[in-house]
Amino acid sequence: MRRWTWTFIVLIVLLMIVACSKDDSQEAENDLEEIVMTDEERLPADKIVVTINGNEAIGSTYNQMYLQIKKLALGSSAGEKVDADELKALTIDSIINKELFIQLAEQREIVISDEQVVEKLKEIKKVNNVGYEKMREQFNDADEAIESQLKFELARREYINQYVQVDVTDEEIEKTYNELKEQIDEIQGLDSIKDELKQSIEIQKIDKKLNDAVAKFKKNSEIEVHI
């Protein structure tokens, strides 16, 4: 599971995007609400969890990230038991990689101010207040967690705009389509889903480039885990 670290970070970002763009069923909302963090899983809010190039991440950050990852893991495991040690390791990795990306972005002069985050939240609330409230529910009304994740998303978008370029060829689209065709009996024609396939491949390529950039930055970083 640990190799999915960056994907989990992106999925948490997508929680915000989905919440602000579409209505989920009441059943899905209830499922999310039932997933909680136990006393055994929770860390003291002020406990130092990990230090990344001198920046400390504390228990409150860990707890919020852990809960979001737990929701995602349980939601994608079809009822299977999720190993607590894996969740813990994945949470720590996610915190580290998220902070490393923010530091990398700042090194390249991409700095998202608190004012930008506040303005973006106001914009989201104005455009879709229902989606905004769903987002708050998914982050347990934790303003700090919401603002931190939004800051990450804004930095990620700007980094992609400035430093990440990917191309998708017709051959790659056709290859992906043929692979899907082998797994899905009734699949639409290529022309019908070509745009969606192209977007999916683009996302995968962007994800890989971001992951590679963070991995390279990580090699020269000082990281100390305290739990």
C-alpha atoms as a PDB file:
ATOM      1  CA  MET A   1       0.000   0.000   0.000  1.00  0.00           C
ATOM      2  CA  ARG A   2       2.858   2.421   0.733  1.00  0.00           C
ATOM      3  CA  ARG A   3       3.668   2.804  -2.963  1.00  0.00           C
ATOM      4  CA  TRP A   4       0.299   4.551  -3.321  1.00  0.00           C
ATOM      5  CA  THR A   5       1.346   7.446  -1.077  1.00  0.00           C
ATOM      6  CA  TRP A   6       1.157  10.222  -3.660  1.00  0.00           C
ATOM      7  CA  THR A   7      -2.062   8.779  -5.085  1.00  0.00           C
ATOM      8  CA  PHE A   8      -3.666   8.954  -1.649  1.00  0.00           C
ATOM      9  CA  ILE A   9      -2.660  12.615  -1.322  1.00  0.00           C
ATOM     10  CA  VAL A  10      -4.215  13.345  -4.694  1.00  0.00           C
ATOM     11  CA  LEU A  11      -7.349  11.411  -3.755  1.00  0.00           C
ATOM     12  CA  ILE A  12      -7.717  13.528  -0.642  1.00  0.00           C
ATOM     13  CA  VAL A  13      -7.511  16.593  -2.864  1.00  0.00           C
ATOM     14  CA  LEU A  14     -10.186  15.057  -5.084  1.00  0.00           C
ATOM     15  CA  LEU A  15     -12.437  14.702  -2.045  1.00  0.00           C
ATOM     16  CA  MET A  16     -12.570  18.484  -1.990  1.00  0.00           C
ATOM     17  CA  ILE A  17     -13.131  18.787  -5.731  1.00  0.00           C
ATOM     18  CA  VAL A  18     -15.886  16.183  -5.802  1.00  0.00           C
ATOM     19  CA  ALA A  19     -17.607  17.638  -2.766  1.00  0.00           C
ATOM     20  CA  CYS A  20     -17.767  21.023  -4.435  1.00  0.00           C
ATOM     21  CA  SER A  21     -18.883  19.822  -7.860  1.00  0.00           C
ATOM     22  CA  LYS A  22     -21.495  17.051  -7.456  1.00  0.00           C
ATOM     23  CA  ASP A  23     -24.086  15.670  -5.075  1.00  0.00           C
ATOM     24  CA  ASP A  24     -23.378  12.309  -3.467  1.00  0.00           C
ATOM     25  CA  SER A  25     -26.082   9.985  -2.237  1.00  0.00           C
ATOM     26  CA  GLN A  26     -27.168  10.193   1.392  1.00  0.00           C
ATOM     27  CA  GLU A  27     -26.013   6.607   1.831  1.00  0.00           C
ATOM     28  CA  ALA A  28     -22.487   7.473   0.736  1.00  0.00           C
ATOM     29  CA  GLU A  29     -22.407  10.402   3.181  1.00  0.00           C
ATOM     30  CA  ASN A  30     -23.542   8.167   6.021  1.00  0.00           C
ATOM     31  CA  ASP A  31     -20.828   5.617   5.204  1.00  0.00           C
ATOM     32  CA  LEU A  32     -18.168   8.327   5.482  1.00  0.00           C
ATOM     33  CA  GLU A  33     -19.610   9.575   8.773  1.00  0.00           C
ATOM     34  CA  GLU A  34     -19.422   6.095  10.321  1.00  0.00           C
ATOM     35  CA  ILE A  35     -15.658   5.873   9.813  1.00  0.00           C
ATOM     36  CA  VAL A  36     -13.941   7.295  12.887  1.00  0.00           C
ATOM     37  CA  MET A  37     -10.517   7.331  14.469  1.00  0.00           C
ATOM     38  CA  THR A  38     -10.258   5.193  17.604  1.00  0.00           C
ATOM     39  CA  ASP A  39      -8.523   6.271  20.807  1.00  0.00           C
ATOM     40  CA  GLU A  40      -5.767   3.744  20.056  1.00  0.00           C
ATOM     41  CA  GLU A  41      -5.166   5.294  16.645  1.00  0.00           C
ATOM     42  CA  ARG A  42      -5.255   8.925  17.750  1.00  0.00           C
ATOM     43  CA  LEU A  43      -2.076  10.759  18.787  1.00  0.00           C
ATOM     44  CA  PRO A  44      -1.839  13.690  21.223  1.00  0.00           C
ATOM     45  CA  ALA A  45      -2.475  16.856  19.207  1.00  0.00           C
ATOM     46  CA  ASP A  46       0.810  18.509  20.179  1.00  0.00           C
ATOM     47  CA  LYS A  47       3.061  15.443  19.814  1.00  0.00           C
ATOM     48  CA  ILE A  48       5.848  15.894  17.269  1.00  0.00           C
ATOM     49  CA  VAL A  49       5.373  13.137  14.701  1.00  0.00           C
ATOM     50  CA  VAL A  50       7.994  13.846  12.057  1.00  0.00           C
ATOM     51  CA  THR A  51      10.530  16.545  11.225  1.00  0.00           C
ATOM     52  CA  ILE A  52      11.092  17.355   7.558  1.00  0.00           C
ATOM     53  CA  ASN A  53      14.028  19.659   6.824  1.00  0.00           C
ATOM     54  CA  GLY A  54      13.458  21.363  10.159  1.00  0.00           C
ATOM     55  CA  ASN A  55       9.674  21.665   9.804  1.00  0.00           C
ATOM     56  CA  GLU A  56       7.710  19.747  12.418  1.00  0.00           C
ATOM     57  CA  ALA A  57       4.447  17.920  11.782  1.00  0.00           C
ATOM     58  CA  ILE A  58       2.438  17.320  14.950  1.00  0.00           C
ATOM     59  CA  GLY A  59      -0.261  14.964  16.119  1.00  0.00           C
ATOM     60  CA  SER A  60      -3.193  17.108  15.013  1.00  0.00           C
ATOM     61  CA  THR A  61      -1.880  16.973  11.437  1.00  0.00           C
ATOM     62  CA  TYR A  62      -1.296  13.224  11.721  1.00  0.00           C
ATOM     63  CA  ASN A  63      -4.792  12.596  13.066  1.00  0.00           C
ATOM     64  CA  GLN A  64      -6.491  14.477  10.250  1.00  0.00           C
ATOM     65  CA  MET A  65      -4.412  12.782   7.550  1.00  0.00           C
ATOM     66  CA  TYR A  66      -4.878   9.360   9.144  1.00  0.00           C
ATOM     67  CA  LEU A  67      -8.650   9.731   9.220  1.00  0.00           C
ATOM     68  CA  GLN A  68      -8.857  10.809   5.578  1.00  0.00           C
ATOM     69  CA  ILE A  69      -6.648   7.924   4.476  1.00  0.00           C
ATOM     70  CA  LYS A  70      -8.670   5.501   6.594  1.00  0.00           C
ATOM     71  CA  LYS A  71     -11.875   6.684   4.905  1.00  0.00           C
ATOM     72  CA  LEU A  72     -10.329   6.246   1.471  1.00  0.00           C
ATOM     73  CA  ALA A  73      -8.824   2.862   2.311  1.00  0.00           C
ATOM     74  CA  LEU A  74     -12.042   1.474   3.756  1.00  0.00           C
ATOM     75  CA  GLY A  75     -14.026   2.930   0.894  1.00  0.00           C
ATOM     76  CA  SER A  76     -11.863   1.127  -1.650  1.00  0.00           C
ATOM     77  CA  SER A  77     -11.323  -2.174   0.178  1.00  0.00           C
ATOM     78  CA  ALA A  78     -14.811  -3.634  -0.365  1.00  0.00           C
ATOM     79  CA  GLY A  79     -15.308  -4.296   3.321  1.00  0.00           C
ATOM     80  CA  GLU A  80     -11.906  -5.897   3.870  1.00  0.00           C
ATOM     81  CA  LYS A  81     -10.076  -5.180   7.096  1.00  0.00           C
ATOM     82  CA  VAL A  82      -7.500  -2.425   6.776  1.00  0.00           C
ATOM     83  CA  ASP A  83      -4.256  -2.978   8.648  1.00  0.00           C
ATOM     84  CA  ALA A  84      -3.634  -0.242  11.242  1.00  0.00           C
ATOM     85  CA  ASP A  85       0.149  -0.435  10.844  1.00  0.00           C
ATOM     86  CA  GLU A  86      -0.203   0.110   7.101  1.00  0.00           C
ATOM     87  CA  LEU A  87      -2.465   3.089   7.698  1.00  0.00           C
ATOM     88  CA  LYS A  88       0.057   4.528  10.141  1.00  0.00           C
ATOM     89  CA  ALA A  89       2.956   4.061   7.706  1.00  0.00           C
ATOM     90  CA  LEU A  90       0.947   5.473   4.830  1.00  0.00           C
ATOM     91  CA  THR A  91      -0.075   8.482   6.917  1.00  0.00           C
ATOM     92  CA  ILE A  92       3.517   9.261   7.839  1.00  0.00           C
ATOM     93  CA  ASP A  93       4.649   8.865   4.226  1.00  0.00           C
ATOM     94  CA  SER A  94       1.806  11.104   3.053  1.00  0.00           C
ATOM     95  CA  ILE A  95       2.673  13.833   5.563  1.00  0.00           C
ATOM     96  CA  ILE A  96       6.327  13.664   4.527  1.00  0.00           C
ATOM     97  CA  ASN A  97       5.649  13.760   0.788  1.00  0.00           C
ATOM     98  CA  LYS A  98       3.092  16.530   1.113  1.00  0.00           C
ATOM     99  CA  GLU A  99       5.511  18.693   3.096  1.00  0.00           C
ATOM    100  CA  LEU A 100       8.362  17.886   0.715  1.00  0.00           C
ATOM    101  CA  PHE A 101       6.227  18.982  -2.221  1.00  0.00           C
ATOM    102  CA  ILE A 102       5.319  22.269  -0.517  1.00  0.00           C
ATOM    103  CA  GLN A 103       9.016  22.883   0.183  1.00  0.00           C
ATOM    104  CA  LEU A 104       9.944  21.999  -3.406  1.00  0.00           C
ATOM    105  CA  ALA A 105       7.281  24.371  -4.732  1.00  0.00           C
ATOM    106  CA  GLU A 106       8.519  27.168  -2.458  1.00  0.00           C
ATOM    107  CA  GLN A 107      12.083  26.514  -3.621  1.00  0.00           C
ATOM    108  CA  ARG A 108      10.788  27.181  -7.140  1.00  0.00           C
ATOM    109  CA  GLU A 109       9.106  30.369  -5.925  1.00  0.00           C
ATOM    110  CA  ILE A 110       5.589  28.944  -5.789  1.00  0.00           C
ATOM    111  CA  VAL A 111       4.270  30.258  -2.503  1.00  0.00           C
ATOM    112  CA  ILE A 112       0.570  30.117  -1.646  1.00  0.00           C
ATOM    113  CA  SER A 113      -0.339  32.733   0.939  1.00  0.00           C
ATOM    114  CA  ASP A 114      -2.958  32.338   3.659  1.00  0.00           C
ATOM    115  CA  GLU A 115      -4.887  35.139   1.979  1.00  0.00           C
ATOM    116  CA  GLN A 116      -5.063  33.160  -1.269  1.00  0.00           C
ATOM    117  CA  VAL A 117      -6.423  30.164   0.599  1.00  0.00           C
ATOM    118  CA  VAL A 118      -9.067  32.248   2.376  1.00  0.00           C
ATOM    119  CA  GLU A 119     -10.161  33.843  -0.897  1.00  0.00           C
ATOM    120  CA  LYS A 120     -10.379  30.459  -2.608  1.00  0.00           C
ATOM    121  CA  LEU A 121     -12.521  29.079   0.202  1.00  0.00           C
ATOM    122  CA  LYS A 122     -14.842  32.084  -0.113  1.00  0.00           C
ATOM    123  CA  GLU A 123     -15.062  31.448  -3.851  1.00  0.00           C
ATOM    124  CA  ILE A 124     -15.894  27.770  -3.334  1.00  0.00           C
ATOM    125  CA  LYS A 125     -18.561  28.640  -0.769  1.00  0.00           C
ATOM    126  CA  LYS A 126     -20.099  31.261  -3.072  1.00  0.00           C
ATOM    127  CA  VAL A 127     -20.181  29.010  -6.127  1.00  0.00           C
ATOM    128  CA  ASN A 128     -21.490  25.897  -4.362  1.00  0.00           C
ATOM    129  CA  ASN A 129     -22.397  26.277  -0.721  1.00  0.00           C
ATOM    130  CA  VAL A 130     -23.830  22.735  -0.507  1.00  0.00           C
ATOM    131  CA  GLY A 131     -20.577  21.291  -1.827  1.00  0.00           C
ATOM    132  CA  TYR A 132     -18.638  23.501   0.566  1.00  0.00           C
ATOM    133  CA  GLU A 133     -20.579  22.137   3.538  1.00  0.00           C
ATOM    134  CA  LYS A 134     -19.999  18.557   2.335  1.00  0.00           C
ATOM    135  CA  MET A 135     -16.292  19.303   2.147  1.00  0.00           C
ATOM    136  CA  ARG A 136     -16.370  20.523   5.739  1.00  0.00           C
ATOM    137  CA  GLU A 137     -18.141  17.331   6.804  1.00  0.00           C
ATOM    138  CA  GLN A 138     -15.525  15.183   5.072  1.00  0.00           C
ATOM    139  CA  PHE A 139     -12.785  17.054   6.935  1.00  0.00           C
ATOM    140  CA  ASN A 140     -14.767  16.974  10.210  1.00  0.00           C
ATOM    141  CA  ASP A 141     -15.132  20.775  10.212  1.00  0.00           C
ATOM    142  CA  ALA A 142     -11.391  21.103  10.836  1.00  0.00           C
ATOM    143  CA  ASP A 143     -10.502  24.498   9.374  1.00  0.00           C
ATOM    144  CA  GLU A 144      -6.767  23.912   9.681  1.00  0.00           C
ATOM    145  CA  ALA A 145      -6.971  20.610   7.747  1.00  0.00           C
ATOM    146  CA  ILE A 146      -9.136  22.129   5.018  1.00  0.00           C
ATOM    147  CA  GLU A 147      -6.862  25.145   4.591  1.00  0.00           C
ATOM    148  CA  SER A 148      -3.732  22.984   4.578  1.00  0.00           C
ATOM    149  CA  GLN A 149      -5.129  20.664   1.926  1.00  0.00           C
ATOM    150  CA  LEU A 150      -6.339  23.562  -0.209  1.00  0.00           C
ATOM    151  CA  LYS A 151      -2.916  25.204   0.033  1.00  0.00           C
ATOM    152  CA  PHE A 152      -1.402  21.965  -1.220  1.00  0.00           C
ATOM    153  CA  GLU A 153      -3.872  21.779  -4.112  1.00  0.00           C
ATOM    154  CA  LEU A 154      -3.246  25.384  -5.183  1.00  0.00           C
ATOM    155  CA  ALA A 155       0.514  24.839  -5.076  1.00  0.00           C
ATOM    156  CA  ARG A 156       0.124  21.590  -6.995  1.00  0.00           C
ATOM    157  CA  ARG A 157      -1.903  23.255  -9.738  1.00  0.00           C
ATOM    158  CA  GLU A 158       0.597  26.096 -10.079  1.00  0.00           C
ATOM    159  CA  TYR A 159       3.544  23.688 -10.127  1.00  0.00           C
ATOM    160  CA  ILE A 160       1.895  21.661 -12.881  1.00  0.00           C
ATOM    161  CA  ASN A 161       1.162  24.808 -14.883  1.00  0.00           C
ATOM    162  CA  GLN A 162       4.773  25.951 -14.691  1.00  0.00           C
ATOM    163  CA  TYR A 163       6.844  22.784 -14.673  1.00  0.00           C
ATOM    164  CA  VAL A 164       4.876  19.770 -15.884  1.00  0.00           C
ATOM    165  CA  GLN A 165       4.102  19.150 -19.526  1.00  0.00           C
ATOM    166  CA  VAL A 166       2.830  15.824 -20.830  1.00  0.00           C
ATOM    167  CA  ASP A 167       1.743  14.600 -24.231  1.00  0.00           C
ATOM    168  CA  VAL A 168      -0.600  11.721 -24.988  1.00  0.00           C
ATOM    169  CA  THR A 169      -0.418  10.009 -28.346  1.00  0.00           C
ATOM    170  CA  ASP A 170      -3.194   8.272 -30.232  1.00  0.00           C
ATOM    171  CA  GLU A 171      -1.172   5.077 -29.925  1.00  0.00           C
ATOM    172  CA  GLU A 172      -1.182   5.334 -26.123  1.00  0.00           C
ATOM    173  CA  ILE A 173      -4.927   5.931 -26.092  1.00  0.00           C
ATOM    174  CA  GLU A 174      -5.551   2.963 -28.365  1.00  0.00           C
ATOM    175  CA  LYS A 175      -3.290   0.736 -26.275  1.00  0.00           C
ATOM    176  CA  THR A 176      -5.129   1.704 -23.090  1.00  0.00           C
ATOM    177  CA  TYR A 177      -8.463   1.104 -24.790  1.00  0.00           C
ATOM    178  CA  ASN A 178      -7.419  -2.370 -25.945  1.00  0.00           C
ATOM    179  CA  GLU A 179      -6.270  -3.244 -22.425  1.00  0.00           C
ATOM    180  CA  LEU A 180      -9.630  -2.157 -21.028  1.00  0.00           C
ATOM    181  CA  LYS A 181     -11.439  -4.053 -23.755  1.00  0.00           C
ATOM    182  CA  GLU A 182      -9.816  -7.280 -22.576  1.00  0.00           C
ATOM    183  CA  GLN A 183     -11.175  -6.697 -19.064  1.00  0.00           C
ATOM    184  CA  ILE A 184     -14.613  -5.262 -19.829  1.00  0.00           C
ATOM    185  CA  ASP A 185     -17.117  -7.259 -21.869  1.00  0.00           C
ATOM    186  CA  GLU A 186     -19.369  -4.372 -22.809  1.00  0.00           C
ATOM    187  CA  ILE A 187     -17.265  -1.304 -23.465  1.00  0.00           C
ATOM    188  CA  GLN A 188     -18.206   1.737 -25.502  1.00  0.00           C
ATOM    189  CA  GLY A 189     -16.472   2.409 -28.793  1.00  0.00           C
ATOM    190  CA  LEU A 190     -13.109   4.129 -28.726  1.00  0.00           C
ATOM    191  CA  ASP A 191     -14.444   7.353 -30.224  1.00  0.00           C
ATOM    192  CA  SER A 192     -17.030   7.616 -27.447  1.00  0.00           C
ATOM    193  CA  ILE A 193     -14.506   7.526 -24.594  1.00  0.00           C
ATOM    194  CA  LYS A 194     -11.356   8.802 -26.299  1.00  0.00           C
ATOM    195  CA  ASP A 195     -11.363  12.123 -24.438  1.00  0.00           C
ATOM    196  CA  GLU A 196     -11.825  10.420 -21.064  1.00  0.00           C
ATOM    197  CA  LEU A 197      -9.007   7.977 -21.795  1.00  0.00           C
ATOM    198  CA  LYS A 198      -6.717  10.821 -22.829  1.00  0.00           C
ATOM    199  CA  GLN A 199      -7.455  12.690 -19.614  1.00  0.00           C
ATOM    200  CA  SER A 200      -6.829   9.564 -17.542  1.00  0.00           C
ATOM    201  CA  ILE A 201      -3.447   8.984 -19.206  1.00  0.00           C
ATOM    202  CA  GLU A 202      -2.529  12.641 -18.725  1.00  0.00           C
ATOM    203  CA  ILE A 203      -3.315  12.395 -15.015  1.00  0.00           C
ATOM    204  CA  GLN A 204      -1.157   9.273 -14.693  1.00  0.00           C
ATOM    205  CA  LYS A 205       1.759  10.951 -16.447  1.00  0.00           C
ATOM    206  CA  ILE A 206       1.456  14.105 -14.347  1.00  0.00           C
ATOM    207  CA  ASP A 207       1.255  11.976 -11.219  1.00  0.00           C
ATOM    208  CA  LYS A 208       4.471  10.178 -12.176  1.00  0.00           C
ATOM    209  CA  LYS A 209       6.340  13.414 -12.885  1.00  0.00           C
ATOM    210  CA  LEU A 210       5.275  14.900  -9.568  1.00  0.00           C
ATOM    211  CA  ASN A 211       6.194  11.704  -7.748  1.00  0.00           C
ATOM    212  CA  ASP A 212       9.621  11.659  -9.421  1.00  0.00           C
ATOM    213  CA  ALA A 213      10.225  15.325  -8.526  1.00  0.00           C
ATOM    214  CA  VAL A 214       9.370  14.716  -4.866  1.00  0.00           C
ATOM    215  CA  ALA A 215      11.495  11.543  -4.749  1.00  0.00           C
ATOM    216  CA  LYS A 216      14.492  13.457  -6.130  1.00  0.00           C
ATOM    217  CA  PHE A 217      14.011  16.292  -3.638  1.00  0.00           C
ATOM    218  CA  LYS A 218      13.659  13.744  -0.846  1.00  0.00           C
ATOM    219  CA  LYS A 219      17.144  12.321  -1.456  1.00  0.00           C
ATOM    220  CA  ASN A 220      18.736  15.528  -0.189  1.00  0.00           C
ATOM    221  CA  SER A 221      16.282  16.082   2.655  1.00  0.00           C
ATOM    222  CA  GLU A 222      16.641  15.492   6.375  1.00  0.00           C
ATOM    223  CA  ILE A 223      13.703  13.512   7.722  1.00  0.00           C
ATOM    224  CA  GLU A 224      13.264  12.182  11.252  1.00  0.00           C
ATOM    225  CA  VAL A 225      10.221  10.175  12.329  1.00  0.00           C
ATOM    226  CA  HIS A 226       9.470  10.409  16.066  1.00  0.00           C
ATOM    227  CA  ILE A 227       6.788   7.728  16.474  1.00  0.00           C
END
